[in-house]
Amino acid sequence: MIRGWHLACFSLAKSVQDAGWAQFLAILSAKAASAGRRVVAVPPHGTSQICPQCGRVQKKELSERIHACECGCVLDRDVAAAKVILALGLDGAFGGGGRVTAPA
């Protein structure tokens, strides 16, 4: 019974969290529209595995905190992921021209 209750609470918490993100994005989009801007949602899954310089996908363990690619790009893993997310967002906002491709 405890396990079932725990799973129900987890499911409810996940639903509330998902609704919270949806509401956040709706408010952010409205604010951006009033400023003449646009919000582009980028799925973050796998972005820390992509090189922001050459687009090569390189699997890493979570414990690996430095992104080091064969192309010579060496960055903190979080900084590299942020650059990939920015490139994906700009590509979605302007419809092309980005070097980075989303993982398959």
PDB file of N, CA and C in Angstrom:
ATOM      1  N   MET A   1       0.822  -1.194   0.000  1.00  0.00           N
ATOM      2  CA  MET A   1       0.000   0.000   0.000  1.00  0.00           C
ATOM      3  C   MET A   1       0.867   1.259   0.000  1.00  0.00           C
ATOM      4  N   ILE A   2       1.931   1.221   0.767  1.00  0.00           N
ATOM      5  CA  ILE A   2       2.837   2.370   0.816  1.00  0.00           C
ATOM      6  C   ILE A   2       3.439   2.611  -0.560  1.00  0.00           C
ATOM      7  N   ARG A   3       3.845   1.524  -1.231  1.00  0.00           N
ATOM      8  CA  ARG A   3       4.450   1.662  -2.551  1.00  0.00           C
ATOM      9  C   ARG A   3       3.459   2.312  -3.525  1.00  0.00           C
ATOM     10  N   GLY A   4       2.229   1.855  -3.526  1.00  0.00           N
ATOM     11  CA  GLY A   4       1.199   2.440  -4.391  1.00  0.00           C
ATOM     12  C   GLY A   4       0.977   3.911  -4.081  1.00  0.00           C
ATOM     13  N   TRP A   5       0.972   4.263  -2.807  1.00  0.00           N
ATOM     14  CA  TRP A   5       0.793   5.662  -2.403  1.00  0.00           C
ATOM     15  C   TRP A   5       1.975   6.502  -2.879  1.00  0.00           C
ATOM     16  N   HIS A   6       3.183   5.938  -2.723  1.00  0.00           N
ATOM     17  CA  HIS A   6       4.393   6.651  -3.146  1.00  0.00           C
ATOM     18  C   HIS A   6       4.350   6.907  -4.659  1.00  0.00           C
ATOM     19  N   LEU A   7       3.972   5.885  -5.429  1.00  0.00           N
ATOM     20  CA  LEU A   7       3.904   6.047  -6.877  1.00  0.00           C
ATOM     21  C   LEU A   7       2.844   7.062  -7.268  1.00  0.00           C
ATOM     22  N   ALA A   8       1.720   7.062  -6.578  1.00  0.00           N
ATOM     23  CA  ALA A   8       0.660   8.035  -6.869  1.00  0.00           C
ATOM     24  C   ALA A   8       1.140   9.450  -6.568  1.00  0.00           C
ATOM     25  N   CYS A   9       1.847   9.628  -5.465  1.00  0.00           N
ATOM     26  CA  CYS A   9       2.376  10.954  -5.120  1.00  0.00           C
ATOM     27  C   CYS A   9       3.423  11.398  -6.133  1.00  0.00           C
ATOM     28  N   PHE A  10       4.279  10.471  -6.544  1.00  0.00           N
ATOM     29  CA  PHE A  10       5.303  10.793  -7.539  1.00  0.00           C
ATOM     30  C   PHE A  10       4.653  11.210  -8.854  1.00  0.00           C
ATOM     31  N   SER A  11       3.632  10.471  -9.258  1.00  0.00           N
ATOM     32  CA  SER A  11       2.927  10.782 -10.498  1.00  0.00           C
ATOM     33  C   SER A  11       2.262  12.155 -10.414  1.00  0.00           C
ATOM     34  N   LEU A  12       1.635  12.441  -9.270  1.00  0.00           N
ATOM     35  CA  LEU A  12       0.999  13.741  -9.076  1.00  0.00           C
ATOM     36  C   LEU A  12       2.045  14.851  -9.082  1.00  0.00           C
ATOM     37  N   ALA A  13       3.160  14.622  -8.409  1.00  0.00           N
ATOM     38  CA  ALA A  13       4.225  15.629  -8.370  1.00  0.00           C
ATOM     39  C   ALA A  13       4.761  15.898  -9.763  1.00  0.00           C
ATOM     40  N   LYS A  14       4.927  14.844 -10.564  1.00  0.00           N
ATOM     41  CA  LYS A  14       5.411  15.014 -11.935  1.00  0.00           C
ATOM     42  C   LYS A  14       4.400  15.799 -12.760  1.00  0.00           C
ATOM     43  N   SER A  15       3.113  15.526 -12.579  1.00  0.00           N
ATOM     44  CA  SER A  15       2.074  16.265 -13.303  1.00  0.00           C
ATOM     45  C   SER A  15       2.084  17.739 -12.923  1.00  0.00           C
ATOM     46  N   VAL A  16       2.244  18.012 -11.638  1.00  0.00           N
ATOM     47  CA  VAL A  16       2.299  19.403 -11.170  1.00  0.00           C
ATOM     48  C   VAL A  16       3.528  20.088 -11.734  1.00  0.00           C
ATOM     49  N   GLN A  17       4.660  19.383 -11.736  1.00  0.00           N
ATOM     50  CA  GLN A  17       5.893  19.955 -12.281  1.00  0.00           C
ATOM     51  C   GLN A  17       5.729  20.239 -13.771  1.00  0.00           C
ATOM     52  N   ASP A  18       5.148  19.296 -14.523  1.00  0.00           N
ATOM     53  CA  ASP A  18       4.932  19.503 -15.953  1.00  0.00           C
ATOM     54  C   ASP A  18       4.008  20.695 -16.192  1.00  0.00           C
ATOM     55  N   ALA A  19       2.948  20.798 -15.397  1.00  0.00           N
ATOM     56  CA  ALA A  19       2.014  21.923 -15.527  1.00  0.00           C
ATOM     57  C   ALA A  19       2.722  23.232 -15.187  1.00  0.00           C
ATOM     58  N   GLY A  20       3.622  23.182 -14.203  1.00  0.00           N
ATOM     59  CA  GLY A  20       4.370  24.378 -13.828  1.00  0.00           C
ATOM     60  C   GLY A  20       5.243  24.871 -14.970  1.00  0.00           C
ATOM     61  N   TRP A  21       5.924  23.938 -15.673  1.00  0.00           N
ATOM     62  CA  TRP A  21       6.750  24.329 -16.815  1.00  0.00           C
ATOM     63  C   TRP A  21       5.904  24.876 -17.942  1.00  0.00           C
ATOM     64  N   ALA A  22       4.745  24.246 -18.168  1.00  0.00           N
ATOM     65  CA  ALA A  22       3.858  24.725 -19.232  1.00  0.00           C
ATOM     66  C   ALA A  22       3.383  26.142 -18.929  1.00  0.00           C
ATOM     67  N   GLN A  23       3.030  26.382 -17.676  1.00  0.00           N
ATOM     68  CA  GLN A  23       2.581  27.718 -17.290  1.00  0.00           C
ATOM     69  C   GLN A  23       3.736  28.725 -17.400  1.00  0.00           C
ATOM     70  N   PHE A  24       4.916  28.317 -16.957  1.00  0.00           N
ATOM     71  CA  PHE A  24       6.086  29.185 -17.065  1.00  0.00           C
ATOM     72  C   PHE A  24       6.348  29.568 -18.518  1.00  0.00           C
ATOM     73  N   LEU A  25       6.319  28.585 -19.421  1.00  0.00           N
ATOM     74  CA  LEU A  25       6.557  28.873 -20.836  1.00  0.00           C
ATOM     75  C   LEU A  25       5.471  29.763 -21.427  1.00  0.00           C
ATOM     76  N   ALA A  26       4.228  29.577 -20.979  1.00  0.00           N
ATOM     77  CA  ALA A  26       3.135  30.426 -21.463  1.00  0.00           C
ATOM     78  C   ALA A  26       3.341  31.878 -21.020  1.00  0.00           C
ATOM     79  N   ILE A  27       3.710  32.076 -19.768  1.00  0.00           N
ATOM     80  CA  ILE A  27       3.948  33.430 -19.249  1.00  0.00           C
ATOM     81  C   ILE A  27       5.164  34.045 -19.944  1.00  0.00           C
ATOM     82  N   LEU A  28       6.229  33.245 -20.086  1.00  0.00           N
ATOM     83  CA  LEU A  28       7.436  33.738 -20.747  1.00  0.00           C
ATOM     84  C   LEU A  28       7.149  34.118 -22.199  1.00  0.00           C
ATOM     85  N   SER A  29       6.354  33.309 -22.891  1.00  0.00           N
ATOM     86  CA  SER A  29       5.994  33.598 -24.282  1.00  0.00           C
ATOM     87  C   SER A  29       5.181  34.889 -24.387  1.00  0.00           C
ATOM     88  N   ALA A  30       4.255  35.098 -23.458  1.00  0.00           N
ATOM     89  CA  ALA A  30       3.453  36.324 -23.460  1.00  0.00           C
ATOM     90  C   ALA A  30       4.334  37.549 -23.225  1.00  0.00           C
ATOM     91  N   LYS A  31       5.245  37.434 -22.274  1.00  0.00           N
ATOM     92  CA  LYS A  31       6.163  38.549 -21.999  1.00  0.00           C
ATOM     93  C   LYS A  31       7.065  38.824 -23.212  1.00  0.00           C
ATOM     94  N   ALA A  32       7.552  37.758 -23.827  1.00  0.00           N
ATOM     95  CA  ALA A  32       8.415  37.925 -24.997  1.00  0.00           C
ATOM     96  C   ALA A  32       7.641  38.580 -26.135  1.00  0.00           C
ATOM     97  N   ALA A  33       6.394  38.161 -26.352  1.00  0.00           N
ATOM     98  CA  ALA A  33       5.568  38.742 -27.419  1.00  0.00           C
ATOM     99  C   ALA A  33       5.335  40.224 -27.179  1.00  0.00           C
ATOM    100  N   SER A  34       5.126  40.610 -25.916  1.00  0.00           N
ATOM    101  CA  SER A  34       4.898  42.029 -25.615  1.00  0.00           C
ATOM    102  C   SER A  34       6.157  42.860 -25.844  1.00  0.00           C
ATOM    103  N   ALA A  35       7.312  42.187 -25.837  1.00  0.00           N
ATOM    104  CA  ALA A  35       8.577  42.878 -26.092  1.00  0.00           C
ATOM    105  C   ALA A  35       9.025  42.702 -27.539  1.00  0.00           C
ATOM    106  N   GLY A  36       8.163  42.097 -28.362  1.00  0.00           N
ATOM    107  CA  GLY A  36       8.521  41.882 -29.750  1.00  0.00           C
ATOM    108  C   GLY A  36       9.506  40.748 -29.953  1.00  0.00           C
ATOM    109  N   ARG A  37       9.531  39.832 -29.024  1.00  0.00           N
ATOM    110  CA  ARG A  37      10.458  38.693 -29.078  1.00  0.00           C
ATOM    111  C   ARG A  37       9.673  37.396 -29.164  1.00  0.00           C
ATOM    112  N   ARG A  38      10.391  36.286 -29.278  1.00  0.00           N
ATOM    113  CA  ARG A  38       9.765  34.982 -29.395  1.00  0.00           C
ATOM    114  C   ARG A  38      10.534  33.973 -28.547  1.00  0.00           C
ATOM    115  N   VAL A  39       9.814  33.054 -27.936  1.00  0.00           N
ATOM    116  CA  VAL A  39      10.430  31.995 -27.145  1.00  0.00           C
ATOM    117  C   VAL A  39      10.495  30.738 -28.001  1.00  0.00           C
ATOM    118  N   VAL A  40      11.657  30.103 -28.023  1.00  0.00           N
ATOM    119  CA  VAL A  40      11.828  28.853 -28.754  1.00  0.00           C
ATOM    120  C   VAL A  40      12.190  27.782 -27.732  1.00  0.00           C
ATOM    121  N   ALA A  41      11.319  26.791 -27.565  1.00  0.00           N
ATOM    122  CA  ALA A  41      11.587  25.694 -26.629  1.00  0.00           C
ATOM    123  C   ALA A  41      12.508  24.687 -27.311  1.00  0.00           C
ATOM    124  N   VAL A  42      13.570  24.329 -26.625  1.00  0.00           N
ATOM    125  CA  VAL A  42      14.546  23.372 -27.151  1.00  0.00           C
ATOM    126  C   VAL A  42      14.573  22.175 -26.210  1.00  0.00           C
ATOM    127  N   PRO A  43      14.354  20.967 -26.732  1.00  0.00           N
ATOM    128  CA  PRO A  43      14.460  19.793 -25.856  1.00  0.00           C
ATOM    129  C   PRO A  43      15.909  19.607 -25.416  1.00  0.00           C
ATOM    130  N   PRO A  44      16.170  19.608 -24.122  1.00  0.00           N
ATOM    131  CA  PRO A  44      17.545  19.569 -23.643  1.00  0.00           C
ATOM    132  C   PRO A  44      18.174  18.182 -23.660  1.00  0.00           C
ATOM    133  N   HIS A  45      17.398  17.136 -23.937  1.00  0.00           N
ATOM    134  CA  HIS A  45      17.910  15.773 -23.885  1.00  0.00           C
ATOM    135  C   HIS A  45      19.082  15.574 -24.853  1.00  0.00           C
ATOM    136  N   GLY A  46      20.201  15.141 -24.313  1.00  0.00           N
ATOM    137  CA  GLY A  46      21.371  14.833 -25.129  1.00  0.00           C
ATOM    138  C   GLY A  46      22.245  16.011 -25.501  1.00  0.00           C
ATOM    139  N   THR A  47      21.905  17.206 -25.059  1.00  0.00           N
ATOM    140  CA  THR A  47      22.686  18.377 -25.472  1.00  0.00           C
ATOM    141  C   THR A  47      24.092  18.392 -24.892  1.00  0.00           C
ATOM    142  N   SER A  48      24.321  17.695 -23.780  1.00  0.00           N
ATOM    143  CA  SER A  48      25.674  17.663 -23.222  1.00  0.00           C
ATOM    144  C   SER A  48      26.552  16.644 -23.939  1.00  0.00           C
ATOM    145  N   GLN A  49      25.974  15.904 -24.891  1.00  0.00           N
ATOM    146  CA  GLN A  49      26.728  14.905 -25.641  1.00  0.00           C
ATOM    147  C   GLN A  49      27.204  15.457 -26.994  1.00  0.00           C
ATOM    148  N   ILE A  50      26.772  16.666 -27.358  1.00  0.00           N
ATOM    149  CA  ILE A  50      27.057  17.242 -28.672  1.00  0.00           C
ATOM    150  C   ILE A  50      28.148  18.303 -28.543  1.00  0.00           C
ATOM    151  N   CYS A  51      29.066  18.318 -29.475  1.00  0.00           N
ATOM    152  CA  CYS A  51      30.106  19.347 -29.495  1.00  0.00           C
ATOM    153  C   CYS A  51      29.516  20.629 -30.083  1.00  0.00           C
ATOM    154  N   PRO A  52      29.630  21.754 -29.383  1.00  0.00           N
ATOM    155  CA  PRO A  52      29.076  23.006 -29.901  1.00  0.00           C
ATOM    156  C   PRO A  52      29.860  23.577 -31.077  1.00  0.00           C
ATOM    157  N   GLN A  53      31.079  23.088 -31.281  1.00  0.00           N
ATOM    158  CA  GLN A  53      31.915  23.609 -32.359  1.00  0.00           C
ATOM    159  C   GLN A  53      31.717  22.842 -33.663  1.00  0.00           C
ATOM    160  N   CYS A  54      31.702  21.503 -33.595  1.00  0.00           N
ATOM    161  CA  CYS A  54      31.623  20.710 -34.829  1.00  0.00           C
ATOM    162  C   CYS A  54      30.347  19.888 -34.954  1.00  0.00           C
ATOM    163  N   GLY A  55      29.572  19.750 -33.866  1.00  0.00           N
ATOM    164  CA  GLY A  55      28.319  19.000 -33.911  1.00  0.00           C
ATOM    165  C   GLY A  55      28.468  17.504 -33.715  1.00  0.00           C
ATOM    166  N   ARG A  56      29.673  17.036 -33.480  1.00  0.00           N
ATOM    167  CA  ARG A  56      29.915  15.599 -33.283  1.00  0.00           C
ATOM    168  C   ARG A  56      29.279  15.144 -31.978  1.00  0.00           C
ATOM    169  N   VAL A  57      28.605  13.986 -32.014  1.00  0.00           N
ATOM    170  CA  VAL A  57      28.010  13.411 -30.804  1.00  0.00           C
ATOM    171  C   VAL A  57      29.058  12.525 -30.146  1.00  0.00           C
ATOM    172  N   GLN A  58      29.299  12.808 -28.869  1.00  0.00           N
ATOM    173  CA  GLN A  58      30.302  12.071 -28.107  1.00  0.00           C
ATOM    174  C   GLN A  58      29.680  11.681 -26.777  1.00  0.00           C
ATOM    175  N   LYS A  59      29.410  10.397 -26.598  1.00  0.00           N
ATOM    176  CA  LYS A  59      28.803   9.910 -25.357  1.00  0.00           C
ATOM    177  C   LYS A  59      29.749  10.151 -24.194  1.00  0.00           C
ATOM    178  N   LYS A  60      29.166  10.620 -23.075  1.00  0.00           N
ATOM    179  CA  LYS A  60      29.945  10.880 -21.869  1.00  0.00           C
ATOM    180  C   LYS A  60      29.204  10.332 -20.663  1.00  0.00           C
ATOM    181  N   GLU A  61      29.954   9.922 -19.673  1.00  0.00           N
ATOM    182  CA  GLU A  61      29.364   9.578 -18.381  1.00  0.00           C
ATOM    183  C   GLU A  61      29.061  10.876 -17.643  1.00  0.00           C
ATOM    184  N   LEU A  62      28.098  10.812 -16.729  1.00  0.00           N
ATOM    185  CA  LEU A  62      27.723  12.012 -15.980  1.00  0.00           C
ATOM    186  C   LEU A  62      28.900  12.552 -15.168  1.00  0.00           C
ATOM    187  N   SER A  63      29.813  11.670 -14.778  1.00  0.00           N
ATOM    188  CA  SER A  63      30.968  12.097 -13.981  1.00  0.00           C
ATOM    189  C   SER A  63      31.986  12.900 -14.794  1.00  0.00           C
ATOM    190  N   GLU A  64      31.916  12.809 -16.124  1.00  0.00           N
ATOM    191  CA  GLU A  64      32.828  13.583 -16.979  1.00  0.00           C
ATOM    192  C   GLU A  64      32.337  15.024 -17.029  1.00  0.00           C
ATOM    193  N   ARG A  65      33.080  15.942 -16.445  1.00  0.00           N
ATOM    194  CA  ARG A  65      32.641  17.332 -16.324  1.00  0.00           C
ATOM    195  C   ARG A  65      33.255  18.241 -17.377  1.00  0.00           C
ATOM    196  N   ILE A  66      34.203  17.737 -18.157  1.00  0.00           N
ATOM    197  CA  ILE A  66      34.852  18.531 -19.204  1.00  0.00           C
ATOM    198  C   ILE A  66      34.489  17.940 -20.563  1.00  0.00           C
ATOM    199  N   HIS A  67      34.063  18.806 -21.474  1.00  0.00           N
ATOM    200  CA  HIS A  67      33.809  18.387 -22.852  1.00  0.00           C
ATOM    201  C   HIS A  67      35.106  18.614 -23.617  1.00  0.00           C
ATOM    202  N   ALA A  68      35.662  17.521 -24.159  1.00  0.00           N
ATOM    203  CA  ALA A  68      36.878  17.612 -24.967  1.00  0.00           C
ATOM    204  C   ALA A  68      36.632  16.833 -26.247  1.00  0.00           C
ATOM    205  N   CYS A  69      36.634  17.542 -27.368  1.00  0.00           N
ATOM    206  CA  CYS A  69      36.328  16.934 -28.664  1.00  0.00           C
ATOM    207  C   CYS A  69      37.601  16.837 -29.512  1.00  0.00           C
ATOM    208  N   GLU A  70      37.565  15.935 -30.496  1.00  0.00           N
ATOM    209  CA  GLU A  70      38.688  15.773 -31.408  1.00  0.00           C
ATOM    210  C   GLU A  70      38.958  17.036 -32.230  1.00  0.00           C
ATOM    211  N   CYS A  71      37.928  17.880 -32.395  1.00  0.00           N
ATOM    212  CA  CYS A  71      38.100  19.111 -33.179  1.00  0.00           C
ATOM    213  C   CYS A  71      38.896  20.174 -32.422  1.00  0.00           C
ATOM    214  N   GLY A  72      39.182  19.911 -31.133  1.00  0.00           N
ATOM    215  CA  GLY A  72      39.961  20.860 -30.341  1.00  0.00           C
ATOM    216  C   GLY A  72      39.135  21.674 -29.368  1.00  0.00           C
ATOM    217  N   CYS A  73      37.844  21.498 -29.386  1.00  0.00           N
ATOM    218  CA  CYS A  73      36.961  22.231 -28.475  1.00  0.00           C
ATOM    219  C   CYS A  73      37.056  21.627 -27.069  1.00  0.00           C
ATOM    220  N   VAL A  74      37.465  22.435 -26.094  1.00  0.00           N
ATOM    221  CA  VAL A  74      37.553  21.999 -24.702  1.00  0.00           C
ATOM    222  C   VAL A  74      36.820  23.027 -23.854  1.00  0.00           C
ATOM    223  N   LEU A  75      35.713  22.577 -23.235  1.00  0.00           N
ATOM    224  CA  LEU A  75      34.883  23.452 -22.418  1.00  0.00           C
ATOM    225  C   LEU A  75      34.349  22.685 -21.220  1.00  0.00           C
ATOM    226  N   ASP A  76      33.897  23.415 -20.215  1.00  0.00           N
ATOM    227  CA  ASP A  76      33.127  22.796 -19.162  1.00  0.00           C
ATOM    228  C   ASP A  76      31.892  22.164 -19.800  1.00  0.00           C
ATOM    229  N   ARG A  77      31.492  21.010 -19.334  1.00  0.00           N
ATOM    230  CA  ARG A  77      30.371  20.283 -19.938  1.00  0.00           C
ATOM    231  C   ARG A  77      29.091  21.113 -19.956  1.00  0.00           C
ATOM    232  N   ASP A  78      28.798  21.836 -18.880  1.00  0.00           N
ATOM    233  CA  ASP A  78      27.585  22.647 -18.816  1.00  0.00           C
ATOM    234  C   ASP A  78      27.639  23.834 -19.778  1.00  0.00           C
ATOM    235  N   VAL A  79      28.801  24.416 -19.938  1.00  0.00           N
ATOM    236  CA  VAL A  79      28.962  25.530 -20.881  1.00  0.00           C
ATOM    237  C   VAL A  79      28.769  25.021 -22.314  1.00  0.00           C
ATOM    238  N   ALA A  80      29.326  23.851 -22.611  1.00  0.00           N
ATOM    239  CA  ALA A  80      29.166  23.266 -23.940  1.00  0.00           C
ATOM    240  C   ALA A  80      27.687  22.990 -24.223  1.00  0.00           C
ATOM    241  N   ALA A  81      26.975  22.417 -23.244  1.00  0.00           N
ATOM    242  CA  ALA A  81      25.548  22.134 -23.419  1.00  0.00           C
ATOM    243  C   ALA A  81      24.757  23.425 -23.615  1.00  0.00           C
ATOM    244  N   ALA A  82      25.107  24.476 -22.878  1.00  0.00           N
ATOM    245  CA  ALA A  82      24.420  25.762 -23.025  1.00  0.00           C
ATOM    246  C   ALA A  82      24.630  26.331 -24.429  1.00  0.00           C
ATOM    247  N   LYS A  83      25.830  26.183 -24.963  1.00  0.00           N
ATOM    248  CA  LYS A  83      26.096  26.676 -26.323  1.00  0.00           C
ATOM    249  C   LYS A  83      25.306  25.868 -27.361  1.00  0.00           C
ATOM    250  N   VAL A  84      25.170  24.562 -27.139  1.00  0.00           N
ATOM    251  CA  VAL A  84      24.386  23.718 -28.047  1.00  0.00           C
ATOM    252  C   VAL A  84      22.913  24.124 -27.989  1.00  0.00           C
ATOM    253  N   ILE A  85      22.388  24.340 -26.781  1.00  0.00           N
ATOM    254  CA  ILE A  85      20.987  24.752 -26.628  1.00  0.00           C
ATOM    255  C   ILE A  85      20.766  26.097 -27.306  1.00  0.00           C
ATOM    256  N   LEU A  86      21.685  27.029 -27.142  1.00  0.00           N
ATOM    257  CA  LEU A  86      21.569  28.328 -27.808  1.00  0.00           C
ATOM    258  C   LEU A  86      21.552  28.159 -29.326  1.00  0.00           C
ATOM    259  N   ALA A  87      22.463  27.327 -29.853  1.00  0.00           N
ATOM    260  CA  ALA A  87      22.515  27.114 -31.305  1.00  0.00           C
ATOM    261  C   ALA A  87      21.230  26.468 -31.814  1.00  0.00           C
ATOM    262  N   LEU A  88      20.703  25.485 -31.069  1.00  0.00           N
ATOM    263  CA  LEU A  88      19.452  24.848 -31.466  1.00  0.00           C
ATOM    264  C   LEU A  88      18.298  25.835 -31.411  1.00  0.00           C
ATOM    265  N   GLY A  89      18.287  26.685 -30.396  1.00  0.00           N
ATOM    266  CA  GLY A  89      17.239  27.696 -30.275  1.00  0.00           C
ATOM    267  C   GLY A  89      17.307  28.717 -31.392  1.00  0.00           C
ATOM    268  N   LEU A  90      18.497  29.171 -31.721  1.00  0.00           N
ATOM    269  CA  LEU A  90      18.645  30.131 -32.814  1.00  0.00           C
ATOM    270  C   LEU A  90      18.280  29.503 -34.142  1.00  0.00           C
ATOM    271  N   ASP A  91      18.636  28.233 -34.315  1.00  0.00           N
ATOM    272  CA  ASP A  91      18.269  27.525 -35.536  1.00  0.00           C
ATOM    273  C   ASP A  91      16.751  27.431 -35.652  1.00  0.00           C
ATOM    274  N   GLY A  92      16.080  27.143 -34.537  1.00  0.00           N
ATOM    275  CA  GLY A  92      14.621  27.078 -34.543  1.00  0.00           C
ATOM    276  C   GLY A  92      13.988  28.445 -34.724  1.00  0.00           C
ATOM    277  N   ALA A  93      14.649  29.477 -34.240  1.00  0.00           N
ATOM    278  CA  ALA A  93      14.093  30.826 -34.334  1.00  0.00           C
ATOM    279  C   ALA A  93      14.243  31.406 -35.731  1.00  0.00           C
ATOM    280  N   PHE A  94      15.343  31.087 -36.392  1.00  0.00           N
ATOM    281  CA  PHE A  94      15.626  31.694 -37.689  1.00  0.00           C
ATOM    282  C   PHE A  94      15.523  30.716 -38.847  1.00  0.00           C
ATOM    283  N   GLY A  95      15.242  29.435 -38.560  1.00  0.00           N
ATOM    284  CA  GLY A  95      14.993  28.466 -39.612  1.00  0.00           C
ATOM    285  C   GLY A  95      16.204  28.003 -40.384  1.00  0.00           C
ATOM    286  N   GLY A  96      17.320  27.826 -39.728  1.00  0.00           N
ATOM    287  CA  GLY A  96      18.477  27.258 -40.428  1.00  0.00           C
ATOM    288  C   GLY A  96      19.747  28.003 -40.120  1.00  0.00           C
ATOM    289  N   GLY A  97      20.813  27.507 -40.650  1.00  0.00           N
ATOM    290  CA  GLY A  97      22.101  28.171 -40.503  1.00  0.00           C
ATOM    291  C   GLY A  97      22.894  27.716 -39.303  1.00  0.00           C
ATOM    292  N   GLY A  98      22.320  26.897 -38.419  1.00  0.00           N
ATOM    293  CA  GLY A  98      23.064  26.444 -37.252  1.00  0.00           C
ATOM    294  C   GLY A  98      23.995  25.302 -37.591  1.00  0.00           C
ATOM    295  N   ARG A  99      25.143  25.250 -36.934  1.00  0.00           N
ATOM    296  CA  ARG A  99      26.091  24.167 -37.169  1.00  0.00           C
ATOM    297  C   ARG A  99      25.671  22.907 -36.422  1.00  0.00           C
ATOM    298  N   VAL A 100      24.952  23.082 -35.334  1.00  0.00           N
ATOM    299  CA  VAL A 100      24.643  21.984 -34.436  1.00  0.00           C
ATOM    300  C   VAL A 100      23.338  21.326 -34.851  1.00  0.00           C
ATOM    301  N   THR A 101      23.319  19.991 -34.835  1.00  0.00           N
ATOM    302  CA  THR A 101      22.099  19.257 -35.131  1.00  0.00           C
ATOM    303  C   THR A 101      21.642  18.520 -33.889  1.00  0.00           C
ATOM    304  N   ALA A 102      20.343  18.365 -33.746  1.00  0.00           N
ATOM    305  CA  ALA A 102      19.795  17.661 -32.604  1.00  0.00           C
ATOM    306  C   ALA A 102      20.130  16.186 -32.700  1.00  0.00           C
ATOM    307  N   PRO A 103      20.340  15.526 -31.552  1.00  0.00           N
ATOM    308  CA  PRO A 103      20.642  14.101 -31.591  1.00  0.00           C
ATOM    309  C   PRO A 103      19.455  13.310 -32.099  1.00  0.00           C
ATOM    310  N   ALA A 104      19.742  12.197 -32.770  1.00  0.00           N
ATOM    311  CA  ALA A 104      18.672  11.348 -33.318  1.00  0.00           C
ATOM    312  C   ALA A 104      17.986  10.556 -32.239  1.00  0.00           C
TER     313      ALA A 104
END
